[in-house]
Amino acid sequence: MKLLVDECLSAELTKAAIDRGYVESSHVRWIGKAGVKDWNLFPVILQGDWTFVTRNAYDFRGLAEAPGTKGEYHKADLHAGSSA
């Protein structure tokens, strides 16, 4: 599994993932995408077959204060990793 850690989270999390065997993991800053808006980062995530690690769950599920709304990534096929 390839983890891509969002810049809202510490790069130390990425280092910990690598230390635990997720050697293809990276951080948004490490791939030269620091400051890139989420909607511009989304194609990078899909093309790189990354599992995106973020604390911004509302991007995927919508705002908690607005049940039934959808986040900006609502069209993405969400999964918790590969079953392979």
N, C-alpha and C. Protein backbone atom coordinates (compact mmCIF):
# COMPACT_ATOMS: atom_id res chain seq x y z
N MET A 1 0.84 -1.17 0.00
CA MET A 1 0.00 0.00 0.00
C MET A 1 0.89 1.24 0.00
N LYS A 2 0.54 2.19 -0.82
CA LYS A 2 1.27 3.46 -0.92
C LYS A 2 0.47 4.52 -0.18
N LEU A 3 1.04 5.03 0.90
CA LEU A 3 0.37 6.07 1.68
C LEU A 3 0.91 7.43 1.28
N LEU A 4 0.01 8.36 1.06
CA LEU A 4 0.40 9.75 0.83
C LEU A 4 -0.20 10.55 1.97
N VAL A 5 0.65 11.12 2.79
CA VAL A 5 0.22 11.87 3.98
C VAL A 5 0.03 13.33 3.61
N ASP A 6 -1.12 13.84 3.95
CA ASP A 6 -1.48 15.23 3.67
C ASP A 6 -0.58 16.18 4.46
N GLU A 7 -0.40 17.39 3.95
CA GLU A 7 0.48 18.34 4.63
C GLU A 7 -0.12 18.88 5.92
N CYS A 8 -1.39 18.60 6.18
CA CYS A 8 -1.97 18.99 7.48
C CYS A 8 -1.51 18.05 8.59
N LEU A 9 -0.80 16.99 8.23
CA LEU A 9 -0.24 16.04 9.18
C LEU A 9 1.28 16.07 9.11
N SER A 10 1.90 15.70 10.18
CA SER A 10 3.36 15.74 10.29
C SER A 10 4.03 14.73 9.36
N ALA A 11 5.16 15.13 8.83
CA ALA A 11 5.98 14.21 8.03
C ALA A 11 6.50 13.06 8.89
N GLU A 12 6.51 13.25 10.20
CA GLU A 12 6.93 12.17 11.10
C GLU A 12 5.99 10.96 10.97
N LEU A 13 4.74 11.20 10.66
CA LEU A 13 3.79 10.11 10.44
C LEU A 13 4.22 9.29 9.23
N THR A 14 4.69 9.95 8.20
CA THR A 14 5.18 9.26 7.01
C THR A 14 6.41 8.44 7.34
N LYS A 15 7.32 9.02 8.11
CA LYS A 15 8.52 8.29 8.51
C LYS A 15 8.16 7.05 9.31
N ALA A 16 7.17 7.17 10.18
CA ALA A 16 6.72 6.03 10.98
C ALA A 16 6.13 4.94 10.08
N ALA A 17 5.39 5.33 9.06
CA ALA A 17 4.81 4.36 8.13
C ALA A 17 5.92 3.61 7.38
N ILE A 18 6.92 4.34 6.95
CA ILE A 18 8.05 3.72 6.24
C ILE A 18 8.78 2.75 7.16
N ASP A 19 9.00 3.16 8.40
CA ASP A 19 9.66 2.30 9.38
C ASP A 19 8.87 1.02 9.65
N ARG A 20 7.57 1.07 9.44
CA ARG A 20 6.71 -0.08 9.70
C ARG A 20 6.44 -0.90 8.44
N GLY A 21 7.19 -0.62 7.39
CA GLY A 21 7.12 -1.45 6.20
C GLY A 21 6.36 -0.88 5.02
N TYR A 22 5.76 0.30 5.18
CA TYR A 22 5.07 0.95 4.06
C TYR A 22 6.08 1.83 3.34
N VAL A 23 7.04 1.18 2.68
CA VAL A 23 8.22 1.87 2.15
C VAL A 23 7.92 2.80 0.98
N GLU A 24 6.78 2.65 0.34
CA GLU A 24 6.42 3.53 -0.77
C GLU A 24 5.67 4.77 -0.30
N SER A 25 5.56 4.93 1.00
CA SER A 25 4.83 6.08 1.55
C SER A 25 5.58 7.37 1.28
N SER A 26 4.80 8.44 1.21
CA SER A 26 5.40 9.75 0.99
C SER A 26 4.53 10.81 1.66
N HIS A 27 5.02 12.01 1.64
CA HIS A 27 4.32 13.16 2.21
C HIS A 27 4.09 14.16 1.09
N VAL A 28 3.01 14.89 1.16
CA VAL A 28 2.67 15.86 0.12
C VAL A 28 3.85 16.80 -0.16
N ARG A 29 4.53 17.22 0.88
CA ARG A 29 5.69 18.12 0.68
C ARG A 29 6.83 17.41 -0.04
N TRP A 30 7.01 16.12 0.24
CA TRP A 30 8.12 15.37 -0.35
C TRP A 30 7.96 15.16 -1.84
N ILE A 31 6.73 15.22 -2.33
CA ILE A 31 6.53 15.04 -3.78
C ILE A 31 6.35 16.39 -4.49
N GLY A 32 6.71 17.46 -3.78
CA GLY A 32 6.69 18.78 -4.38
C GLY A 32 5.31 19.39 -4.53
N LYS A 33 4.37 18.98 -3.68
CA LYS A 33 3.00 19.48 -3.79
C LYS A 33 2.55 20.30 -2.59
N ALA A 34 3.49 20.82 -1.83
CA ALA A 34 3.14 21.67 -0.69
C ALA A 34 2.35 22.87 -1.17
N GLY A 35 1.28 23.18 -0.46
CA GLY A 35 0.47 24.35 -0.80
C GLY A 35 -0.51 24.12 -1.92
N VAL A 36 -0.49 22.96 -2.54
CA VAL A 36 -1.42 22.67 -3.63
C VAL A 36 -2.81 22.47 -3.04
N LYS A 37 -3.79 23.12 -3.61
CA LYS A 37 -5.17 22.99 -3.14
C LYS A 37 -5.64 21.55 -3.32
N ASP A 38 -6.52 21.13 -2.42
CA ASP A 38 -6.99 19.74 -2.45
C ASP A 38 -7.56 19.34 -3.80
N TRP A 39 -8.34 20.21 -4.43
CA TRP A 39 -8.94 19.84 -5.71
C TRP A 39 -7.89 19.66 -6.81
N ASN A 40 -6.72 20.27 -6.66
CA ASN A 40 -5.63 20.05 -7.61
C ASN A 40 -4.77 18.85 -7.23
N LEU A 41 -4.81 18.46 -5.97
CA LEU A 41 -4.06 17.31 -5.49
C LEU A 41 -4.79 16.00 -5.81
N PHE A 42 -6.10 16.06 -5.92
CA PHE A 42 -6.90 14.87 -6.15
C PHE A 42 -6.44 14.05 -7.36
N PRO A 43 -6.18 14.65 -8.52
CA PRO A 43 -5.70 13.85 -9.66
C PRO A 43 -4.36 13.17 -9.38
N VAL A 44 -3.50 13.83 -8.62
CA VAL A 44 -2.20 13.25 -8.25
C VAL A 44 -2.42 11.99 -7.42
N ILE A 45 -3.36 12.06 -6.50
CA ILE A 45 -3.68 10.92 -5.63
C ILE A 45 -4.17 9.75 -6.48
N LEU A 46 -5.08 10.02 -7.38
CA LEU A 46 -5.63 8.95 -8.22
C LEU A 46 -4.59 8.38 -9.17
N GLN A 47 -3.86 9.24 -9.84
CA GLN A 47 -2.86 8.78 -10.81
C GLN A 47 -1.73 8.00 -10.14
N GLY A 48 -1.39 8.37 -8.93
CA GLY A 48 -0.31 7.70 -8.22
C GLY A 48 -0.77 6.47 -7.45
N ASP A 49 -2.07 6.19 -7.49
CA ASP A 49 -2.66 5.06 -6.77
C ASP A 49 -2.32 5.13 -5.29
N TRP A 50 -2.39 6.33 -4.73
CA TRP A 50 -2.09 6.56 -3.33
C TRP A 50 -3.31 6.26 -2.47
N THR A 51 -3.06 5.84 -1.23
CA THR A 51 -4.06 5.87 -0.18
C THR A 51 -3.77 7.16 0.58
N PHE A 52 -4.72 8.07 0.54
CA PHE A 52 -4.51 9.41 1.08
C PHE A 52 -4.84 9.42 2.57
N VAL A 53 -3.89 9.91 3.36
CA VAL A 53 -4.05 9.99 4.82
C VAL A 53 -4.21 11.46 5.18
N THR A 54 -5.37 11.81 5.73
CA THR A 54 -5.67 13.20 6.05
C THR A 54 -6.54 13.27 7.29
N ARG A 55 -6.60 14.44 7.88
CA ARG A 55 -7.54 14.64 8.98
C ARG A 55 -8.76 15.40 8.50
N ASN A 56 -8.80 15.71 7.23
CA ASN A 56 -9.89 16.48 6.63
C ASN A 56 -10.98 15.55 6.09
N ALA A 57 -11.61 14.79 6.97
CA ALA A 57 -12.63 13.82 6.56
C ALA A 57 -13.78 14.47 5.81
N TYR A 58 -14.05 15.75 6.11
CA TYR A 58 -15.16 16.42 5.44
C TYR A 58 -14.97 16.51 3.93
N ASP A 59 -13.71 16.43 3.47
CA ASP A 59 -13.48 16.44 2.03
C ASP A 59 -14.11 15.22 1.35
N PHE A 60 -14.29 14.17 2.12
CA PHE A 60 -14.83 12.92 1.58
C PHE A 60 -16.30 12.71 1.95
N ARG A 61 -16.69 13.07 3.17
CA ARG A 61 -18.03 12.75 3.63
C ARG A 61 -18.95 13.97 3.72
N GLY A 62 -18.42 15.15 3.53
CA GLY A 62 -19.22 16.36 3.72
C GLY A 62 -19.09 16.85 5.15
N LEU A 63 -19.65 17.99 5.42
CA LEU A 63 -19.55 18.60 6.74
C LEU A 63 -20.44 17.89 7.75
N ALA A 64 -19.93 17.69 8.94
CA ALA A 64 -20.70 17.05 10.01
C ALA A 64 -21.93 17.87 10.36
N GLU A 65 -21.83 19.19 10.23
CA GLU A 65 -22.96 20.07 10.55
C GLU A 65 -24.04 20.06 9.48
N ALA A 66 -23.74 19.42 8.36
CA ALA A 66 -24.68 19.39 7.24
C ALA A 66 -24.87 17.95 6.76
N PRO A 67 -25.53 17.12 7.58
CA PRO A 67 -25.72 15.72 7.19
C PRO A 67 -26.36 15.60 5.81
N GLY A 68 -25.88 14.63 5.05
CA GLY A 68 -26.40 14.41 3.71
C GLY A 68 -25.65 15.16 2.63
N THR A 69 -24.78 16.09 3.01
CA THR A 69 -23.98 16.79 2.00
C THR A 69 -22.81 15.91 1.60
N LYS A 70 -22.19 16.26 0.52
CA LYS A 70 -21.07 15.47 0.03
C LYS A 70 -19.82 16.33 -0.02
N GLY A 71 -18.69 15.70 0.24
CA GLY A 71 -17.41 16.39 0.16
C GLY A 71 -16.96 16.53 -1.28
N GLU A 72 -15.89 17.27 -1.47
CA GLU A 72 -15.42 17.50 -2.84
C GLU A 72 -14.89 16.24 -3.51
N TYR A 73 -14.57 15.21 -2.75
CA TYR A 73 -14.09 13.96 -3.31
C TYR A 73 -15.18 12.90 -3.35
N HIS A 74 -16.43 13.30 -3.30
CA HIS A 74 -17.52 12.34 -3.20
C HIS A 74 -17.61 11.37 -4.40
N LYS A 75 -17.00 11.72 -5.51
CA LYS A 75 -17.05 10.83 -6.68
C LYS A 75 -15.95 9.79 -6.67
N ALA A 76 -15.02 9.89 -5.74
CA ALA A 76 -13.90 8.94 -5.67
C ALA A 76 -14.37 7.62 -5.10
N ASP A 77 -13.80 6.55 -5.61
CA ASP A 77 -14.05 5.23 -5.07
C ASP A 77 -13.22 5.10 -3.80
N LEU A 78 -13.87 5.18 -2.65
CA LEU A 78 -13.15 5.17 -1.38
C LEU A 78 -12.90 3.74 -0.94
N HIS A 79 -11.72 3.52 -0.42
CA HIS A 79 -11.38 2.21 0.13
C HIS A 79 -10.32 2.38 1.20
N ALA A 80 -10.20 1.38 2.03
CA ALA A 80 -9.23 1.44 3.11
C ALA A 80 -7.94 0.71 2.74
N GLY A 81 -7.71 0.54 1.47
CA GLY A 81 -6.50 -0.13 1.02
C GLY A 81 -6.83 -1.28 0.09
N SER A 82 -5.83 -1.93 -0.34
CA SER A 82 -5.99 -3.02 -1.30
C SER A 82 -6.26 -4.33 -0.58
N SER A 83 -7.02 -5.19 -1.22
CA SER A 83 -7.26 -6.51 -0.65
C SER A 83 -6.27 -7.52 -1.20
N ALA A 84 -5.38 -7.06 -2.05
CA ALA A 84 -4.37 -7.96 -2.65
C ALA A 84 -3.23 -8.24 -1.70
